[in-house]
């Protein structure tokens, strides 16, 4: 019961903070606030340059794979534990997940740079 109450309280508090963060800045909008700022000078060009969506997707994919590899870094210390079967099962699961994710990205051509 305490766990459920804690989870509910934390969820409600997080939702309230997100709502306030999105709602509060929209109350006081004016032109100076939405214009780009370049060290006090007038902008030389548009600050809202478009970028390649492919670059964005490759960058997000890199971050996800990097995070999964970071989860494997404590593995040498975990192998020294008493419960070796659980450690190896979790390591095999993470490596399998990483390999399956790479295979999926490869088949969906998410790693192709040329458009």
C-alpha atoms as a PDB file:
ATOM      1  CA  UNK A   1       0.000   0.000   0.000  1.00  0.00           C
ATOM      2  CA  UNK A   2       2.852   2.375   0.831  1.00  0.00           C
ATOM      3  CA  UNK A   3       4.516   1.621  -2.503  1.00  0.00           C
ATOM      4  CA  UNK A   4       1.317   2.383  -4.399  1.00  0.00           C
ATOM      5  CA  UNK A   5       0.821   5.632  -2.503  1.00  0.00           C
ATOM      6  CA  UNK A   6       4.436   6.655  -3.133  1.00  0.00           C
ATOM      7  CA  UNK A   7       4.192   5.889  -6.851  1.00  0.00           C
ATOM      8  CA  UNK A   8       0.918   7.777  -7.140  1.00  0.00           C
ATOM      9  CA  UNK A   9       2.307  10.790  -5.283  1.00  0.00           C
ATOM     10  CA  UNK A  10       5.491  10.869  -7.373  1.00  0.00           C
ATOM     11  CA  UNK A  11       3.535  10.524 -10.624  1.00  0.00           C
ATOM     12  CA  UNK A  12       1.130  13.294  -9.711  1.00  0.00           C
ATOM     13  CA  UNK A  13       3.976  15.585  -8.626  1.00  0.00           C
ATOM     14  CA  UNK A  14       5.897  14.912 -11.860  1.00  0.00           C
ATOM     15  CA  UNK A  15       2.811  15.574 -13.995  1.00  0.00           C
ATOM     16  CA  UNK A  16       2.121  18.788 -12.090  1.00  0.00           C
ATOM     17  CA  UNK A  17       5.691  20.020 -12.609  1.00  0.00           C
ATOM     18  CA  UNK A  18       5.600  19.165 -16.333  1.00  0.00           C
ATOM     19  CA  UNK A  19       2.275  20.960 -16.719  1.00  0.00           C
ATOM     20  CA  UNK A  20       3.601  24.051 -14.952  1.00  0.00           C
ATOM     21  CA  UNK A  21       6.812  24.002 -17.022  1.00  0.00           C
ATOM     22  CA  UNK A  22       4.851  24.037 -20.277  1.00  0.00           C
ATOM     23  CA  UNK A  23       2.072  26.378 -19.193  1.00  0.00           C
ATOM     24  CA  UNK A  24       3.963  29.079 -17.282  1.00  0.00           C
ATOM     25  CA  UNK A  25       6.318  30.329 -20.066  1.00  0.00           C
ATOM     26  CA  UNK A  26       3.382  30.819 -22.445  1.00  0.00           C
ATOM     27  CA  UNK A  27       1.807  33.452 -20.210  1.00  0.00           C
ATOM     28  CA  UNK A  28       4.421  36.102 -20.970  1.00  0.00           C
ATOM     29  CA  UNK A  29       5.272  35.873 -24.698  1.00  0.00           C
ATOM     30  CA  UNK A  30       6.579  38.866 -26.621  1.00  0.00           C
ATOM     31  CA  UNK A  31       8.718  39.402 -29.739  1.00  0.00           C
ATOM     32  CA  UNK A  32      12.014  39.912 -27.923  1.00  0.00           C
ATOM     33  CA  UNK A  33      11.644  36.637 -26.093  1.00  0.00           C
ATOM     34  CA  UNK A  34      11.105  34.589 -29.243  1.00  0.00           C
ATOM     35  CA  UNK A  35      13.828  36.237 -31.352  1.00  0.00           C
ATOM     36  CA  UNK A  36      17.311  34.684 -31.621  1.00  0.00           C
ATOM     37  CA  UNK A  37      20.113  36.341 -29.665  1.00  0.00           C
ATOM     38  CA  UNK A  38      23.616  36.722 -31.101  1.00  0.00           C
ATOM     39  CA  UNK A  39      25.798  38.500 -28.550  1.00  0.00           C
ATOM     40  CA  UNK A  40      23.771  41.692 -28.674  1.00  0.00           C
ATOM     41  CA  UNK A  41      24.043  42.123 -32.458  1.00  0.00           C
ATOM     42  CA  UNK A  42      21.308  41.809 -35.026  1.00  0.00           C
ATOM     43  CA  UNK A  43      21.186  38.260 -36.397  1.00  0.00           C
ATOM     44  CA  UNK A  44      23.264  37.755 -39.553  1.00  0.00           C
ATOM     45  CA  UNK A  45      20.865  35.138 -40.883  1.00  0.00           C
ATOM     46  CA  UNK A  46      18.163  32.788 -39.788  1.00  0.00           C
ATOM     47  CA  UNK A  47      18.920  31.010 -36.533  1.00  0.00           C
ATOM     48  CA  UNK A  48      16.351  28.346 -37.334  1.00  0.00           C
ATOM     49  CA  UNK A  49      18.357  26.419 -39.918  1.00  0.00           C
ATOM     50  CA  UNK A  50      16.906  23.061 -40.914  1.00  0.00           C
ATOM     51  CA  UNK A  51      18.998  19.972 -40.309  1.00  0.00           C
ATOM     52  CA  UNK A  52      18.865  16.498 -41.703  1.00  0.00           C
ATOM     53  CA  UNK A  53      16.339  14.208 -40.048  1.00  0.00           C
ATOM     54  CA  UNK A  54      18.618  11.295 -40.965  1.00  0.00           C
ATOM     55  CA  UNK A  55      21.396  12.848 -38.873  1.00  0.00           C
ATOM     56  CA  UNK A  56      19.015  13.212 -35.939  1.00  0.00           C
ATOM     57  CA  UNK A  57      17.912   9.556 -36.160  1.00  0.00           C
ATOM     58  CA  UNK A  58      21.498   8.289 -36.409  1.00  0.00           C
ATOM     59  CA  UNK A  59      22.469  10.425 -33.398  1.00  0.00           C
ATOM     60  CA  UNK A  60      19.567   9.069 -31.317  1.00  0.00           C
ATOM     61  CA  UNK A  61      20.428   5.513 -32.383  1.00  0.00           C
ATOM     62  CA  UNK A  62      24.048   6.081 -31.354  1.00  0.00           C
ATOM     63  CA  UNK A  63      22.952   7.340 -27.934  1.00  0.00           C
ATOM     64  CA  UNK A  64      20.730   4.301 -27.374  1.00  0.00           C
ATOM     65  CA  UNK A  65      23.477   1.855 -28.336  1.00  0.00           C
ATOM     66  CA  UNK A  66      25.948   3.762 -26.181  1.00  0.00           C
ATOM     67  CA  UNK A  67      23.591   3.494 -23.218  1.00  0.00           C
ATOM     68  CA  UNK A  68      23.206  -0.251 -23.700  1.00  0.00           C
ATOM     69  CA  UNK A  69      26.975  -0.704 -23.868  1.00  0.00           C
ATOM     70  CA  UNK A  70      27.349   1.402 -20.710  1.00  0.00           C
ATOM     71  CA  UNK A  71      25.076  -1.098 -18.955  1.00  0.00           C
ATOM     72  CA  UNK A  72      27.646  -3.809 -19.720  1.00  0.00           C
ATOM     73  CA  UNK A  73      30.598  -1.916 -18.202  1.00  0.00           C
ATOM     74  CA  UNK A  74      30.128  -3.177 -14.605  1.00  0.00           C
ATOM     75  CA  UNK A  75      30.053  -6.779 -15.862  1.00  0.00           C
ATOM     76  CA  UNK A  76      33.636  -7.698 -14.791  1.00  0.00           C
ATOM     77  CA  UNK A  77      32.826  -6.728 -11.199  1.00  0.00           C
ATOM     78  CA  UNK A  78      29.471  -8.503 -11.316  1.00  0.00           C
ATOM     79  CA  UNK A  79      31.111 -11.744 -12.447  1.00  0.00           C
ATOM     80  CA  UNK A  80      32.912 -11.888  -9.096  1.00  0.00           C
ATOM     81  CA  UNK A  81      29.584 -12.261  -7.281  1.00  0.00           C
ATOM     82  CA  UNK A  82      28.326 -15.532  -5.831  1.00  0.00           C
ATOM     83  CA  UNK A  83      25.365 -15.877  -8.191  1.00  0.00           C
ATOM     84  CA  UNK A  84      27.152 -16.349 -11.513  1.00  0.00           C
ATOM     85  CA  UNK A  85      24.161 -17.783 -13.398  1.00  0.00           C
ATOM     86  CA  UNK A  86      22.038 -14.669 -12.884  1.00  0.00           C
ATOM     87  CA  UNK A  87      24.904 -12.390 -13.877  1.00  0.00           C
ATOM     88  CA  UNK A  88      25.637 -14.293 -17.064  1.00  0.00           C
ATOM     89  CA  UNK A  89      21.931 -14.526 -17.924  1.00  0.00           C
ATOM     90  CA  UNK A  90      21.520 -10.760 -17.617  1.00  0.00           C
ATOM     91  CA  UNK A  91      24.705 -10.124 -19.611  1.00  0.00           C
ATOM     92  CA  UNK A  92      23.552 -12.509 -22.341  1.00  0.00           C
ATOM     93  CA  UNK A  93      20.152 -10.803 -22.371  1.00  0.00           C
ATOM     94  CA  UNK A  94      21.722  -7.343 -22.777  1.00  0.00           C
ATOM     95  CA  UNK A  95      24.061  -8.530 -25.537  1.00  0.00           C
ATOM     96  CA  UNK A  96      21.167 -10.272 -27.306  1.00  0.00           C
ATOM     97  CA  UNK A  97      19.067  -7.117 -27.043  1.00  0.00           C
ATOM     98  CA  UNK A  98      21.951  -5.086 -28.456  1.00  0.00           C
ATOM     99  CA  UNK A  99      22.431  -7.534 -31.355  1.00  0.00           C
ATOM    100  CA  UNK A 100      18.690  -7.673 -32.108  1.00  0.00           C
ATOM    101  CA  UNK A 101      18.500  -3.865 -32.065  1.00  0.00           C
ATOM    102  CA  UNK A 102      21.444  -3.617 -34.430  1.00  0.00           C
ATOM    103  CA  UNK A 103      19.874  -6.192 -36.774  1.00  0.00           C
ATOM    104  CA  UNK A 104      16.577  -4.293 -36.732  1.00  0.00           C
ATOM    105  CA  UNK A 105      18.267  -0.970 -37.486  1.00  0.00           C
ATOM    106  CA  UNK A 106      20.219  -2.618 -40.293  1.00  0.00           C
ATOM    107  CA  UNK A 107      17.116  -4.169 -41.897  1.00  0.00           C
ATOM    108  CA  UNK A 108      15.180  -0.893 -41.620  1.00  0.00           C
ATOM    109  CA  UNK A 109      18.144   0.928 -43.221  1.00  0.00           C
ATOM    110  CA  UNK A 110      18.407   3.213 -40.229  1.00  0.00           C
ATOM    111  CA  UNK A 111      22.191   3.233 -40.476  1.00  0.00           C
ATOM    112  CA  UNK A 112      22.321   4.369 -44.119  1.00  0.00           C
ATOM    113  CA  UNK A 113      23.642   7.903 -44.317  1.00  0.00           C
ATOM    114  CA  UNK A 114      22.916   8.700 -47.984  1.00  0.00           C
ATOM    115  CA  UNK A 115      19.388   9.921 -48.679  1.00  0.00           C
END
